[in-house]
Protein backbone atom coordinates (compact mmCIF):
# COMPACT_ATOMS: atom_id res chain seq x y z
CA MET A 1 72.37 119.43 91.10
CA HIS A 2 75.98 118.50 90.48
CA LYS A 3 78.41 121.21 89.46
CA HIS A 4 80.39 120.24 86.34
CA VAL A 5 84.13 120.51 87.01
CA GLU A 6 87.01 120.18 84.53
CA TRP A 7 89.47 118.42 86.86
CA ASP A 8 93.22 118.73 86.25
CA ASP A 9 94.94 115.58 85.02
CA PRO A 10 96.54 113.99 88.11
CA GLY A 11 99.66 112.97 86.17
CA ALA A 12 102.19 111.07 88.30
CA ASP A 13 99.91 111.45 91.36
CA SER A 14 97.10 109.42 89.75
CA VAL A 15 95.40 107.06 92.22
CA MET A 16 94.00 104.93 89.41
CA ARG A 17 97.38 104.46 87.69
CA HIS A 18 99.01 103.60 91.03
CA TYR A 19 96.52 100.80 91.70
CA GLU A 20 96.75 99.51 88.11
CA ARG A 21 100.42 98.74 88.85
CA SER A 22 99.84 97.61 92.44
CA PRO A 23 96.22 96.51 93.01
CA GLN A 24 96.74 95.59 96.67
CA GLY A 25 94.72 97.95 98.87
CA ASP A 26 92.51 99.24 96.06
CA SER A 27 88.82 99.52 96.88
CA GLU A 28 85.82 101.50 95.76
CA PRO A 29 85.23 104.70 97.72
CA GLY A 30 82.25 104.66 100.04
CA PRO A 31 80.07 107.20 101.83
CA GLY A 32 82.12 109.35 104.18
CA ASP A 33 85.47 108.70 102.45
CA ILE A 34 87.54 111.77 101.61
CA LEU A 35 89.09 111.85 98.13
CA SER A 36 91.52 114.31 96.59
CA ALA A 37 91.73 115.78 93.11
CA ARG A 38 93.37 118.77 91.43
CA TYR A 39 91.50 121.81 90.12
CA ARG A 40 93.34 124.80 88.69
CA GLY A 41 96.53 123.49 90.28
CA LYS A 42 95.09 123.33 93.80
CA VAL A 43 94.12 120.33 95.95
CA VAL A 44 90.38 119.77 96.32
CA ARG A 45 89.00 117.31 98.88
CA ILE A 46 85.62 115.69 98.32
CA LYS A 47 83.54 113.84 100.93
CA VAL A 48 81.91 110.91 99.13
CA GLU A 49 78.14 110.56 99.34
CA ALA A 50 77.75 107.91 96.59
CA TYR A 51 79.80 105.90 94.12
CA VAL A 52 78.30 105.01 90.73
CA ASN A 53 80.05 103.38 87.75
CA GLY A 54 83.58 104.57 88.54
CA THR A 55 82.52 108.05 89.64
CA SER A 56 82.31 109.43 93.16
CA ILE A 57 79.60 111.95 93.93
CA GLY A 58 80.18 114.17 96.91
CA GLN A 59 80.59 117.53 98.51
CA VAL A 60 83.66 119.78 98.31
CA VAL A 61 84.96 119.99 101.88
CA ALA A 62 88.35 121.67 101.35
CA MET A 63 90.40 123.54 98.78
CA ILE A 64 94.07 124.01 99.57
CA SER A 65 96.66 126.21 97.87
CA ASP A 66 100.27 125.12 97.28
CA GLY A 67 101.29 126.97 100.44
CA GLY A 68 98.69 125.16 102.53
CA LYS A 69 96.20 128.05 102.72
CA ARG A 70 92.53 126.99 102.86
CA LEU A 71 90.32 128.56 100.19
CA ASP A 72 86.55 129.15 100.27
CA ALA A 73 86.23 129.39 96.49
CA LEU A 74 88.33 128.83 93.40
CA GLY A 75 86.97 129.82 90.01
CA LYS A 76 83.41 128.50 89.84
CA LEU A 77 83.99 125.94 92.61
CA SER A 78 83.08 126.63 96.26
CA ILE A 79 83.10 124.76 99.56
CA GLY A 80 79.83 122.82 99.83
CA ASP A 81 79.34 122.30 96.09
CA THR A 82 78.25 118.82 95.01
CA VAL A 83 80.51 117.43 92.29
CA ARG A 84 81.28 114.25 90.36
CA LEU A 85 84.84 112.91 90.54
CA PRO A 86 85.74 110.14 88.06
CA ASP A 87 88.27 107.59 89.34
CA ALA A 88 90.66 108.67 86.57
CA MET A 89 90.86 112.18 88.07
CA ARG A 90 91.56 111.15 91.68
CA ALA A 91 95.01 112.25 92.85
CA PHE A 92 97.31 111.55 95.76
CA GLU A 93 98.25 114.69 97.66
CA THR A 94 101.93 115.52 97.51
CA ARG A 95 103.58 116.29 100.82
CA ARG A 96 104.73 119.83 101.42
CA ASP A 97 108.21 120.36 102.90
CA GLU A 98 106.82 121.53 106.24
CA ASP A 99 104.79 118.29 106.51
CA GLU A 100 107.98 116.23 106.25
CA LYS A 101 109.79 117.97 109.11
CA ALA A 102 109.46 116.44 112.54
CA PRO A 103 108.71 118.84 115.41
CA GLY A 104 111.89 120.42 116.73
CA LYS A 105 113.98 119.38 113.70
CA ASP A 106 115.40 121.54 110.95
């Protein structure tokens, strides 16, 4: 059974809107691909099991807070839940400041 999730609007980080402007590199997700979305302001990663009519079906494999902390649950969503993720709700992950720093640099 799929858990119904009210995904956050991806806004400027929308994967779909990005590829509407620049279709090069766009492809349908396939089994094993990892997709990102936003839920309650946090990043959620989904491992795709199937793709049907513009919607990925897969398992939640990570939930990450703004500070980079991994979460086991957030609201009604938990690691391991099977969810549906419409293409319109897919989001690029924004880089955190610590990700942009090279080792040994300030």
